[in-house]
Amino acid sequence: EQLNLTDDLNQAVTDADILIFAIPSAFLQTELEKLTVPISDKIIFSA
């Protein structure tokens, strides 16, 4: 009940203000290429 689980990257970005990325660096850009919504107004934390 505490989790908003999704496999839609853009939905996850849209619904949040602070984005914490814990994707292996070798695969990060491949995932980010799925973005169709802006993230310039988000707070980004890298783990």
ModelCIF file with pLDDT and N, C-alpha, C, O atoms, coordinates in Angstrom:
data_MODEL
#
_entry.id   MODEL 
#
_entity.id                         1 
_entity.type                       polymer 
_entity.pdbx_number_of_molecules   1 
#
_entity_poly.entity_id                      1 
_entity_poly.type                           'polypeptide(L)' 
_entity_poly.nstd_linkage                   no 
_entity_poly.nstd_monomer                   no 
_entity_poly.pdbx_seq_one_letter_code       EQLNLTDDLNQAVTDADILIFAIPSAFLQTELEKLTVPISDKIIFSA 
_entity_poly.pdbx_seq_one_letter_code_can   EQLNLTDDLNQAVTDADILIFAIPSAFLQTELEKLTVPISDKIIFSA 
_entity_poly.pdbx_strand_id                 A 
#
loop_
_entity_poly_seq.entity_id 
_entity_poly_seq.num 
_entity_poly_seq.mon_id 
_entity_poly_seq.hetero 
1 1  GLU n 
1 2  GLN n 
1 3  LEU n 
1 4  ASN n 
1 5  LEU n 
1 6  THR n 
1 7  ASP n 
1 8  ASP n 
1 9  LEU n 
1 10 ASN n 
1 11 GLN n 
1 12 ALA n 
1 13 VAL n 
1 14 THR n 
1 15 ASP n 
1 16 ALA n 
1 17 ASP n 
1 18 ILE n 
1 19 LEU n 
1 20 ILE n 
1 21 PHE n 
1 22 ALA n 
1 23 ILE n 
1 24 PRO n 
1 25 SER n 
1 26 ALA n 
1 27 PHE n 
1 28 LEU n 
1 29 GLN n 
1 30 THR n 
1 31 GLU n 
1 32 LEU n 
1 33 GLU n 
1 34 LYS n 
1 35 LEU n 
1 36 THR n 
1 37 VAL n 
1 38 PRO n 
1 39 ILE n 
1 40 SER n 
1 41 ASP n 
1 42 LYS n 
1 43 ILE n 
1 44 ILE n 
1 45 PHE n 
1 46 SER n 
1 47 ALA n 
#
_struct_asym.id          A 
_struct_asym.entity_id   1 
#
loop_
_ma_qa_metric.id 
_ma_qa_metric.mode 
_ma_qa_metric.name 
_ma_qa_metric.software_group_id 
_ma_qa_metric.type 
1 global pLDDT . pLDDT 
2 local  pLDDT . pLDDT 
#
_ma_qa_metric_global.metric_id      1 
_ma_qa_metric_global.metric_value   95.38 
_ma_qa_metric_global.model_id       1 
_ma_qa_metric_global.ordinal_id     1 
#
loop_
_ma_qa_metric_local.label_asym_id 
_ma_qa_metric_local.label_comp_id 
_ma_qa_metric_local.label_seq_id 
_ma_qa_metric_local.metric_id 
_ma_qa_metric_local.metric_value 
_ma_qa_metric_local.model_id 
_ma_qa_metric_local.ordinal_id 
A GLU 1  2 96.00 1 1  
A GLN 2  2 97.00 1 2  
A LEU 3  2 97.00 1 3  
A ASN 4  2 97.00 1 4  
A LEU 5  2 98.00 1 5  
A THR 6  2 98.00 1 6  
A ASP 7  2 97.00 1 7  
A ASP 8  2 97.00 1 8  
A LEU 9  2 97.00 1 9  
A ASN 10 2 98.00 1 10 
A GLN 11 2 97.00 1 11 
A ALA 12 2 97.00 1 12 
A VAL 13 2 97.00 1 13 
A THR 14 2 97.00 1 14 
A ASP 15 2 97.00 1 15 
A ALA 16 2 97.00 1 16 
A ASP 17 2 97.00 1 17 
A ILE 18 2 98.00 1 18 
A LEU 19 2 98.00 1 19 
A ILE 20 2 98.00 1 20 
A PHE 21 2 97.00 1 21 
A ALA 22 2 96.00 1 22 
A ILE 23 2 94.00 1 23 
A PRO 24 2 89.00 1 24 
A SER 25 2 88.00 1 25 
A ALA 26 2 85.00 1 26 
A PHE 27 2 91.00 1 27 
A LEU 28 2 94.00 1 28 
A GLN 29 2 93.00 1 29 
A THR 30 2 93.00 1 30 
A GLU 31 2 95.00 1 31 
A LEU 32 2 95.00 1 32 
A GLU 33 2 95.00 1 33 
A LYS 34 2 95.00 1 34 
A LEU 35 2 96.00 1 35 
A THR 36 2 96.00 1 36 
A VAL 37 2 96.00 1 37 
A PRO 38 2 93.00 1 38 
A ILE 39 2 95.00 1 39 
A SER 40 2 92.00 1 40 
A ASP 41 2 92.00 1 41 
A LYS 42 2 96.00 1 42 
A ILE 43 2 97.00 1 43 
A ILE 44 2 97.00 1 44 
A PHE 45 2 97.00 1 45 
A SER 46 2 96.00 1 46 
A ALA 47 2 95.00 1 47 
#
loop_
_atom_site.group_PDB 
_atom_site.id 
_atom_site.type_symbol 
_atom_site.label_atom_id 
_atom_site.label_alt_id 
_atom_site.label_comp_id 
_atom_site.label_asym_id 
_atom_site.label_entity_id 
_atom_site.label_seq_id 
_atom_site.pdbx_PDB_ins_code 
_atom_site.Cartn_x 
_atom_site.Cartn_y 
_atom_site.Cartn_z 
_atom_site.occupancy 
_atom_site.B_iso_or_equiv 
_atom_site.pdbx_formal_charge 
_atom_site.auth_seq_id 
_atom_site.auth_comp_id 
_atom_site.auth_asym_id 
_atom_site.auth_atom_id 
_atom_site.pdbx_PDB_model_num 
ATOM 1   N N  . GLU A 1 1  ? 0.831  -1.201 0.000   1.00 96.00 ? 1  GLU A N  1 
ATOM 2   C CA . GLU A 1 1  ? 0.000  0.000  0.000   1.00 96.00 ? 1  GLU A CA 1 
ATOM 3   C C  . GLU A 1 1  ? 0.872  1.260  0.000   1.00 96.00 ? 1  GLU A C  1 
ATOM 4   O O  . GLU A 1 1  ? 0.419  2.338  -0.386  1.00 96.00 ? 1  GLU A O  1 
ATOM 5   N N  . GLN A 1 2  ? 2.128  1.111  0.437   1.00 97.00 ? 2  GLN A N  1 
ATOM 6   C CA . GLN A 1 2  ? 3.045  2.256  0.453   1.00 97.00 ? 2  GLN A CA 1 
ATOM 7   C C  . GLN A 1 2  ? 3.730  2.486  -0.892  1.00 97.00 ? 2  GLN A C  1 
ATOM 8   O O  . GLN A 1 2  ? 4.348  3.531  -1.099  1.00 97.00 ? 2  GLN A O  1 
ATOM 9   N N  . LEU A 1 3  ? 3.628  1.536  -1.795  1.00 97.00 ? 3  LEU A N  1 
ATOM 10  C CA . LEU A 1 3  ? 4.394  1.583  -3.038  1.00 97.00 ? 3  LEU A CA 1 
ATOM 11  C C  . LEU A 1 3  ? 3.542  1.978  -4.238  1.00 97.00 ? 3  LEU A C  1 
ATOM 12  O O  . LEU A 1 3  ? 2.447  1.454  -4.442  1.00 97.00 ? 3  LEU A O  1 
ATOM 13  N N  . ASN A 1 4  ? 4.069  2.917  -5.030  1.00 97.00 ? 4  ASN A N  1 
ATOM 14  C CA . ASN A 1 4  ? 3.512  3.197  -6.346  1.00 97.00 ? 4  ASN A CA 1 
ATOM 15  C C  . ASN A 1 4  ? 4.434  2.552  -7.372  1.00 97.00 ? 4  ASN A C  1 
ATOM 16  O O  . ASN A 1 4  ? 5.323  3.203  -7.921  1.00 97.00 ? 4  ASN A O  1 
ATOM 17  N N  . LEU A 1 5  ? 4.215  1.273  -7.622  1.00 98.00 ? 5  LEU A N  1 
ATOM 18  C CA . LEU A 1 5  ? 5.068  0.510  -8.528  1.00 98.00 ? 5  LEU A CA 1 
ATOM 19  C C  . LEU A 1 5  ? 4.654  0.747  -9.980  1.00 98.00 ? 5  LEU A C  1 
ATOM 20  O O  . LEU A 1 5  ? 3.465  0.771  -10.300 1.00 98.00 ? 5  LEU A O  1 
ATOM 21  N N  . THR A 1 6  ? 5.651  0.922  -10.857 1.00 98.00 ? 6  THR A N  1 
ATOM 22  C CA . THR A 1 6  ? 5.346  1.110  -12.267 1.00 98.00 ? 6  THR A CA 1 
ATOM 23  C C  . THR A 1 6  ? 6.542  0.728  -13.126 1.00 98.00 ? 6  THR A C  1 
ATOM 24  O O  . THR A 1 6  ? 7.693  0.850  -12.705 1.00 98.00 ? 6  THR A O  1 
ATOM 25  N N  . ASP A 1 7  ? 6.249  0.262  -14.343 1.00 97.00 ? 7  ASP A N  1 
ATOM 26  C CA . ASP A 1 7  ? 7.298  0.033  -15.322 1.00 97.00 ? 7  ASP A CA 1 
ATOM 27  C C  . ASP A 1 7  ? 7.281  1.122  -16.393 1.00 97.00 ? 7  ASP A C  1 
ATOM 28  O O  . ASP A 1 7  ? 7.910  0.982  -17.442 1.00 97.00 ? 7  ASP A O  1 
ATOM 29  N N  . ASP A 1 8  ? 6.559  2.201  -16.119 1.00 97.00 ? 8  ASP A N  1 
ATOM 30  C CA . ASP A 1 8  ? 6.469  3.358  -17.012 1.00 97.00 ? 8  ASP A CA 1 
ATOM 31  C C  . ASP A 1 8  ? 7.365  4.466  -16.458 1.00 97.00 ? 8  ASP A C  1 
ATOM 32  O O  . ASP A 1 8  ? 7.004  5.143  -15.496 1.00 97.00 ? 8  ASP A O  1 
ATOM 33  N N  . LEU A 1 9  ? 8.518  4.641  -17.065 1.00 97.00 ? 9  LEU A N  1 
ATOM 34  C CA . LEU A 1 9  ? 9.488  5.633  -16.586 1.00 97.00 ? 9  LEU A CA 1 
ATOM 35  C C  . LEU A 1 9  ? 8.885  7.025  -16.523 1.00 97.00 ? 9  LEU A C  1 
ATOM 36  O O  . LEU A 1 9  ? 9.084  7.742  -15.542 1.00 97.00 ? 9  LEU A O  1 
ATOM 37  N N  . ASN A 1 10 ? 8.159  7.412  -17.548 1.00 98.00 ? 10 ASN A N  1 
ATOM 38  C CA . ASN A 1 10 ? 7.614  8.761  -17.617 1.00 98.00 ? 10 ASN A CA 1 
ATOM 39  C C  . ASN A 1 10 ? 6.552  8.995  -16.547 1.00 98.00 ? 10 ASN A C  1 
ATOM 40  O O  . ASN A 1 10 ? 6.445  10.096 -16.007 1.00 98.00 ? 10 ASN A O  1 
ATOM 41  N N  . GLN A 1 11 ? 5.775  7.972  -16.242 1.00 97.00 ? 11 GLN A N  1 
ATOM 42  C CA . GLN A 1 11 ? 4.777  8.090  -15.182 1.00 97.00 ? 11 GLN A CA 1 
ATOM 43  C C  . GLN A 1 11 ? 5.459  8.286  -13.832 1.00 97.00 ? 11 GLN A C  1 
ATOM 44  O O  . GLN A 1 11 ? 5.035  9.119  -13.031 1.00 97.00 ? 11 GLN A O  1 
ATOM 45  N N  . ALA A 1 12 ? 6.518  7.514  -13.583 1.00 97.00 ? 12 ALA A N  1 
ATOM 46  C CA . ALA A 1 12 ? 7.253  7.631  -12.316 1.00 97.00 ? 12 ALA A CA 1 
ATOM 47  C C  . ALA A 1 12 ? 7.857  9.016  -12.158 1.00 97.00 ? 12 ALA A C  1 
ATOM 48  O O  . ALA A 1 12 ? 7.837  9.585  -11.066 1.00 97.00 ? 12 ALA A O  1 
ATOM 49  N N  . VAL A 1 13 ? 8.396  9.563  -13.247 1.00 97.00 ? 13 VAL A N  1 
ATOM 50  C CA . VAL A 1 13 ? 8.981  10.910 -13.213 1.00 97.00 ? 13 VAL A CA 1 
ATOM 51  C C  . VAL A 1 13 ? 7.901  11.953 -12.958 1.00 97.00 ? 13 VAL A C  1 
ATOM 52  O O  . VAL A 1 13 ? 8.084  12.856 -12.141 1.00 97.00 ? 13 VAL A O  1 
ATOM 53  N N  . THR A 1 14 ? 6.788  11.830 -13.651 1.00 97.00 ? 14 THR A N  1 
ATOM 54  C CA . THR A 1 14 ? 5.704  12.813 -13.531 1.00 97.00 ? 14 THR A CA 1 
ATOM 55  C C  . THR A 1 14 ? 5.130  12.863 -12.127 1.00 97.00 ? 14 THR A C  1 
ATOM 56  O O  . THR A 1 14 ? 4.785  13.937 -11.635 1.00 97.00 ? 14 THR A O  1 
ATOM 57  N N  . ASP A 1 15 ? 5.025  11.710 -11.477 1.00 97.00 ? 15 ASP A N  1 
ATOM 58  C CA . ASP A 1 15 ? 4.362  11.628 -10.169 1.00 97.00 ? 15 ASP A CA 1 
ATOM 59  C C  . ASP A 1 15 ? 5.240  12.046 -8.994  1.00 97.00 ? 15 ASP A C  1 
ATOM 60  O O  . ASP A 1 15 ? 4.746  12.151 -7.872  1.00 97.00 ? 15 ASP A O  1 
ATOM 61  N N  . ALA A 1 16 ? 6.531  12.287 -9.224  1.00 97.00 ? 16 ALA A N  1 
ATOM 62  C CA . ALA A 1 16 ? 7.450  12.557 -8.112  1.00 97.00 ? 16 ALA A CA 1 
ATOM 63  C C  . ALA A 1 16 ? 8.178  13.883 -8.289  1.00 97.00 ? 16 ALA A C  1 
ATOM 64  O O  . ALA A 1 16 ? 8.241  14.441 -9.385  1.00 97.00 ? 16 ALA A O  1 
ATOM 65  N N  . ASP A 1 17 ? 8.727  14.369 -7.180  1.00 97.00 ? 17 ASP A N  1 
ATOM 66  C CA . ASP A 1 17 ? 9.504  15.612 -7.183  1.00 97.00 ? 17 ASP A CA 1 
ATOM 67  C C  . ASP A 1 17 ? 10.988 15.345 -6.997  1.00 97.00 ? 17 ASP A C  1 
ATOM 68  O O  . ASP A 1 17 ? 11.828 16.021 -7.591  1.00 97.00 ? 17 ASP A O  1 
ATOM 69  N N  . ILE A 1 18 ? 11.308 14.351 -6.166  1.00 98.00 ? 18 ILE A N  1 
ATOM 70  C CA . ILE A 1 18 ? 12.697 13.960 -5.923  1.00 98.00 ? 18 ILE A CA 1 
ATOM 71  C C  . ILE A 1 18 ? 12.907 12.584 -6.531  1.00 98.00 ? 18 ILE A C  1 
ATOM 72  O O  . ILE A 1 18 ? 12.274 11.612 -6.119  1.00 98.00 ? 18 ILE A O  1 
ATOM 73  N N  . LEU A 1 19 ? 13.797 12.504 -7.512  1.00 98.00 ? 19 LEU A N  1 
ATOM 74  C CA . LEU A 1 19 ? 14.060 11.256 -8.234  1.00 98.00 ? 19 LEU A CA 1 
ATOM 75  C C  . LEU A 1 19 ? 15.399 10.691 -7.782  1.00 98.00 ? 19 LEU A C  1 
ATOM 76  O O  . LEU A 1 19 ? 16.432 11.346 -7.919  1.00 98.00 ? 19 LEU A O  1 
ATOM 77  N N  . ILE A 1 20 ? 15.380 9.478  -7.243  1.00 98.00 ? 20 ILE A N  1 
ATOM 78  C CA . ILE A 1 20 ? 16.606 8.816  -6.796  1.00 98.00 ? 20 ILE A CA 1 
ATOM 79  C C  . ILE A 1 20 ? 16.922 7.686  -7.765  1.00 98.00 ? 20 ILE A C  1 
ATOM 80  O O  . ILE A 1 20 ? 16.161 6.726  -7.886  1.00 98.00 ? 20 ILE A O  1 
ATOM 81  N N  . PHE A 1 21 ? 18.054 7.809  -8.453  1.00 97.00 ? 21 PHE A N  1 
ATOM 82  C CA . PHE A 1 21 ? 18.436 6.820  -9.457  1.00 97.00 ? 21 PHE A CA 1 
ATOM 83  C C  . PHE A 1 21 ? 19.417 5.818  -8.876  1.00 97.00 ? 21 PHE A C  1 
ATOM 84  O O  . PHE A 1 21 ? 20.456 6.192  -8.332  1.00 97.00 ? 21 PHE A O  1 
ATOM 85  N N  . ALA A 1 22 ? 19.079 4.539  -8.996  1.00 96.00 ? 22 ALA A N  1 
ATOM 86  C CA . ALA A 1 22 ? 19.937 3.455  -8.524  1.00 96.00 ? 22 ALA A CA 1 
ATOM 87  C C  . ALA A 1 22 ? 20.062 2.392  -9.615  1.00 96.00 ? 22 ALA A C  1 
ATOM 88  O O  . ALA A 1 22 ? 20.080 1.192  -9.343  1.00 96.00 ? 22 ALA A O  1 
ATOM 89  N N  . ILE A 1 23 ? 20.148 2.870  -10.855 1.00 94.00 ? 23 ILE A N  1 
ATOM 90  C CA . ILE A 1 23 ? 20.335 2.005  -12.017 1.00 94.00 ? 23 ILE A CA 1 
ATOM 91  C C  . ILE A 1 23 ? 21.833 1.926  -12.293 1.00 94.00 ? 23 ILE A C  1 
ATOM 92  O O  . ILE A 1 23 ? 22.497 2.962  -12.263 1.00 94.00 ? 23 ILE A O  1 
ATOM 93  N N  . PRO A 1 24 ? 22.397 0.750  -12.560 1.00 89.00 ? 24 PRO A N  1 
ATOM 94  C CA . PRO A 1 24 ? 23.828 0.676  -12.867 1.00 89.00 ? 24 PRO A CA 1 
ATOM 95  C C  . PRO A 1 24 ? 24.220 1.677  -13.952 1.00 89.00 ? 24 PRO A C  1 
ATOM 96  O O  . PRO A 1 24 ? 23.516 1.833  -14.949 1.00 89.00 ? 24 PRO A O  1 
ATOM 97  N N  . SER A 1 25 ? 25.345 2.348  -13.747 1.00 88.00 ? 25 SER A N  1 
ATOM 98  C CA . SER A 1 25 ? 25.740 3.434  -14.641 1.00 88.00 ? 25 SER A CA 1 
ATOM 99  C C  . SER A 1 25 ? 25.842 2.993  -16.089 1.00 88.00 ? 25 SER A C  1 
ATOM 100 O O  . SER A 1 25 ? 25.571 3.785  -16.992 1.00 88.00 ? 25 SER A O  1 
ATOM 101 N N  . ALA A 1 26 ? 26.228 1.741  -16.331 1.00 85.00 ? 26 ALA A N  1 
ATOM 102 C CA . ALA A 1 26 ? 26.376 1.250  -17.699 1.00 85.00 ? 26 ALA A CA 1 
ATOM 103 C C  . ALA A 1 26 ? 25.053 1.211  -18.454 1.00 85.00 ? 26 ALA A C  1 
ATOM 104 O O  . ALA A 1 26 ? 25.040 1.207  -19.685 1.00 85.00 ? 26 ALA A O  1 
ATOM 105 N N  . PHE A 1 27 ? 23.926 1.181  -17.713 1.00 91.00 ? 27 PHE A N  1 
ATOM 106 C CA . PHE A 1 27 ? 22.612 1.057  -18.342 1.00 91.00 ? 27 PHE A CA 1 
ATOM 107 C C  . PHE A 1 27 ? 21.743 2.293  -18.136 1.00 91.00 ? 27 PHE A C  1 
ATOM 108 O O  . PHE A 1 27 ? 20.599 2.324  -18.590 1.00 91.00 ? 27 PHE A O  1 
ATOM 109 N N  . LEU A 1 28 ? 22.271 3.313  -17.459 1.00 94.00 ? 28 LEU A N  1 
ATOM 110 C CA . LEU A 1 28 ? 21.469 4.485  -17.112 1.00 94.00 ? 28 LEU A CA 1 
ATOM 111 C C  . LEU A 1 28 ? 20.952 5.203  -18.352 1.00 94.00 ? 28 LEU A C  1 
ATOM 112 O O  . LEU A 1 28 ? 19.755 5.473  -18.454 1.00 94.00 ? 28 LEU A O  1 
ATOM 113 N N  . GLN A 1 29 ? 21.834 5.514  -19.292 1.00 93.00 ? 29 GLN A N  1 
ATOM 114 C CA . GLN A 1 29 ? 21.419 6.293  -20.448 1.00 93.00 ? 29 GLN A CA 1 
ATOM 115 C C  . GLN A 1 29 ? 20.395 5.541  -21.306 1.00 93.00 ? 29 GLN A C  1 
ATOM 116 O O  . GLN A 1 29 ? 19.493 6.153  -21.878 1.00 93.00 ? 29 GLN A O  1 
ATOM 117 N N  . THR A 1 30 ? 20.536 4.223  -21.393 1.00 93.00 ? 30 THR A N  1 
ATOM 118 C CA . THR A 1 30 ? 19.556 3.430  -22.144 1.00 93.00 ? 30 THR A CA 1 
ATOM 119 C C  . THR A 1 30 ? 18.159 3.597  -21.558 1.00 93.00 ? 30 THR A C  1 
ATOM 120 O O  . THR A 1 30 ? 17.176 3.709  -22.291 1.00 93.00 ? 30 THR A O  1 
ATOM 121 N N  . GLU A 1 31 ? 18.081 3.612  -20.221 1.00 95.00 ? 31 GLU A N  1 
ATOM 122 C CA . GLU A 1 31 ? 16.788 3.818  -19.567 1.00 95.00 ? 31 GLU A CA 1 
ATOM 123 C C  . GLU A 1 31 ? 16.294 5.243  -19.777 1.00 95.00 ? 31 GLU A C  1 
ATOM 124 O O  . GLU A 1 31 ? 15.111 5.462  -20.039 1.00 95.00 ? 31 GLU A O  1 
ATOM 125 N N  . LEU A 1 32 ? 17.199 6.212  -19.661 1.00 95.00 ? 32 LEU A N  1 
ATOM 126 C CA . LEU A 1 32 ? 16.794 7.612  -19.781 1.00 95.00 ? 32 LEU A CA 1 
ATOM 127 C C  . LEU A 1 32 ? 16.338 7.965  -21.190 1.00 95.00 ? 32 LEU A C  1 
ATOM 128 O O  . LEU A 1 32 ? 15.619 8.947  -21.375 1.00 95.00 ? 32 LEU A O  1 
ATOM 129 N N  . GLU A 1 33 ? 16.742 7.182  -22.182 1.00 95.00 ? 33 GLU A N  1 
ATOM 130 C CA . GLU A 1 33 ? 16.295 7.417  -23.555 1.00 95.00 ? 33 GLU A CA 1 
ATOM 131 C C  . GLU A 1 33 ? 14.795 7.204  -23.716 1.00 95.00 ? 33 GLU A C  1 
ATOM 132 O O  . GLU A 1 33 ? 14.213 7.604  -24.724 1.00 95.00 ? 33 GLU A O  1 
ATOM 133 N N  . LYS A 1 34 ? 14.167 6.571  -22.719 1.00 95.00 ? 34 LYS A N  1 
ATOM 134 C CA . LYS A 1 34 ? 12.714 6.363  -22.742 1.00 95.00 ? 34 LYS A CA 1 
ATOM 135 C C  . LYS A 1 34 ? 11.954 7.632  -22.347 1.00 95.00 ? 34 LYS A C  1 
ATOM 136 O O  . LYS A 1 34 ? 10.736 7.708  -22.508 1.00 95.00 ? 34 LYS A O  1 
ATOM 137 N N  . LEU A 1 35 ? 12.680 8.625  -21.832 1.00 96.00 ? 35 LEU A N  1 
ATOM 138 C CA . LEU A 1 35 ? 12.024 9.841  -21.347 1.00 96.00 ? 35 LEU A CA 1 
ATOM 139 C C  . LEU A 1 35 ? 11.340 10.605 -22.474 1.00 96.00 ? 35 LEU A C  1 
ATOM 140 O O  . LEU A 1 35 ? 11.933 10.851 -23.525 1.00 96.00 ? 35 LEU A O  1 
ATOM 141 N N  . THR A 1 36 ? 10.095 10.973 -22.242 1.00 96.00 ? 36 THR A N  1 
ATOM 142 C CA . THR A 1 36 ? 9.382  11.871 -23.149 1.00 96.00 ? 36 THR A CA 1 
ATOM 143 C C  . THR A 1 36 ? 8.840  13.082 -22.394 1.00 96.00 ? 36 THR A C  1 
ATOM 144 O O  . THR A 1 36 ? 8.249  13.980 -22.995 1.00 96.00 ? 36 THR A O  1 
ATOM 145 N N  . VAL A 1 37 ? 9.042  13.104 -21.074 1.00 96.00 ? 37 VAL A N  1 
ATOM 146 C CA . VAL A 1 37 ? 8.610  14.242 -20.251 1.00 96.00 ? 37 VAL A CA 1 
ATOM 147 C C  . VAL A 1 37 ? 9.849  14.961 -19.732 1.00 96.00 ? 37 VAL A C  1 
ATOM 148 O O  . VAL A 1 37 ? 10.892 14.331 -19.557 1.00 96.00 ? 37 VAL A O  1 
ATOM 149 N N  . PRO A 1 38 ? 9.758  16.257 -19.484 1.00 93.00 ? 38 PRO A N  1 
ATOM 150 C CA . PRO A 1 38 ? 10.928 17.002 -19.010 1.00 93.00 ? 38 PRO A CA 1 
ATOM 151 C C  . PRO A 1 38 ? 11.278 16.643 -17.566 1.00 93.00 ? 38 PRO A C  1 
ATOM 152 O O  . PRO A 1 38 ? 10.403 16.318 -16.763 1.00 93.00 ? 38 PRO A O  1 
ATOM 153 N N  . ILE A 1 39 ? 12.576 16.709 -17.252 1.00 95.00 ? 39 ILE A N  1 
ATOM 154 C CA . ILE A 1 39 ? 13.004 16.487 -15.867 1.00 95.00 ? 39 ILE A CA 1 
ATOM 155 C C  . ILE A 1 39 ? 13.802 17.677 -15.331 1.00 95.00 ? 39 ILE A C  1 
ATOM 156 O O  . ILE A 1 39 ? 14.366 17.615 -14.238 1.00 95.00 ? 39 ILE A O  1 
ATOM 157 N N  . SER A 1 40 ? 13.841 18.763 -16.114 1.00 92.00 ? 40 SER A N  1 
ATOM 158 C CA . SER A 1 40 ? 14.660 19.918 -15.720 1.00 92.00 ? 40 SER A CA 1 
ATOM 159 C C  . SER A 1 40 ? 14.181 20.585 -14.436 1.00 92.00 ? 40 SER A C  1 
ATOM 160 O O  . SER A 1 40 ? 14.937 21.303 -13.780 1.00 92.00 ? 40 SER A O  1 
ATOM 161 N N  . ASP A 1 41 ? 12.909 20.341 -14.079 1.00 92.00 ? 41 ASP A N  1 
ATOM 162 C CA . ASP A 1 41 ? 12.373 20.939 -12.854 1.00 92.00 ? 41 ASP A CA 1 
ATOM 163 C C  . ASP A 1 41 ? 12.391 19.970 -11.674 1.00 92.00 ? 41 ASP A C  1 
ATOM 164 O O  . ASP A 1 41 ? 11.861 20.279 -10.607 1.00 92.00 ? 41 ASP A O  1 
ATOM 165 N N  . LYS A 1 42 ? 13.002 18.794 -11.864 1.00 96.00 ? 42 LYS A N  1 
ATOM 166 C CA . LYS A 1 42 ? 13.043 17.792 -10.807 1.00 96.00 ? 42 LYS A CA 1 
ATOM 167 C C  . LYS A 1 42 ? 14.330 17.911 -9.992  1.00 96.00 ? 42 LYS A C  1 
ATOM 168 O O  . LYS A 1 42 ? 15.321 18.486 -10.442 1.00 96.00 ? 42 LYS A O  1 
ATOM 169 N N  . ILE A 1 43 ? 14.287 17.351 -8.777  1.00 97.00 ? 43 ILE A N  1 
ATOM 170 C CA . ILE A 1 43 ? 15.488 17.222 -7.935  1.00 97.00 ? 43 ILE A CA 1 
ATOM 171 C C  . ILE A 1 43 ? 16.005 15.806 -8.133  1.00 97.00 ? 43 ILE A C  1 
ATOM 172 O O  . ILE A 1 43 ? 15.282 14.833 -7.919  1.00 97.00 ? 43 ILE A O  1 
ATOM 173 N N  . ILE A 1 44 ? 17.258 15.700 -8.543  1.00 97.00 ? 44 ILE A N  1 
ATOM 174 C CA . ILE A 1 44 ? 17.843 14.408 -8.897  1.00 97.00 ? 44 ILE A CA 1 
ATOM 175 C C  . ILE A 1 44 ? 18.901 14.012 -7.875  1.00 97.00 ? 44 ILE A C  1 
ATOM 176 O O  . ILE A 1 44 ? 19.829 14.776 -7.608  1.00 97.00 ? 44 ILE A O  1 
ATOM 177 N N  . PHE A 1 45 ? 18.763 12.823 -7.307  1.00 97.00 ? 45 PHE A N  1 
ATOM 178 C CA . PHE A 1 45 ? 19.805 12.279 -6.442  1.00 97.00 ? 45 PHE A CA 1 
ATOM 179 C C  . PHE A 1 45 ? 20.309 10.972 -7.037  1.00 97.00 ? 45 PHE A C  1 
ATOM 180 O O  . PHE A 1 45 ? 19.527 10.094 -7.403  1.00 97.00 ? 45 PHE A O  1 
ATOM 181 N N  . SER A 1 46 ? 21.614 10.863 -7.125  1.00 96.00 ? 46 SER A N  1 
ATOM 182 C CA . SER A 1 46 ? 22.236 9.659  -7.674  1.00 96.00 ? 46 SER A CA 1 
ATOM 183 C C  . SER A 1 46 ? 22.705 8.746  -6.549  1.00 96.00 ? 46 SER A C  1 
ATOM 184 O O  . SER A 1 46 ? 23.427 9.166  -5.646  1.00 96.00 ? 46 SER A O  1 
ATOM 185 N N  . ALA A 1 47 ? 22.283 7.499  -6.623  1.00 95.00 ? 47 ALA A N  1 
ATOM 186 C CA . ALA A 1 47 ? 22.809 6.464  -5.724  1.00 95.00 ? 47 ALA A CA 1 
ATOM 187 C C  . ALA A 1 47 ? 23.634 5.481  -6.547  1.00 95.00 ? 47 ALA A C  1 
ATOM 188 O O  . ALA A 1 47 ? 24.177 4.521  -5.999  1.00 95.00 ? 47 ALA A O  1 
#
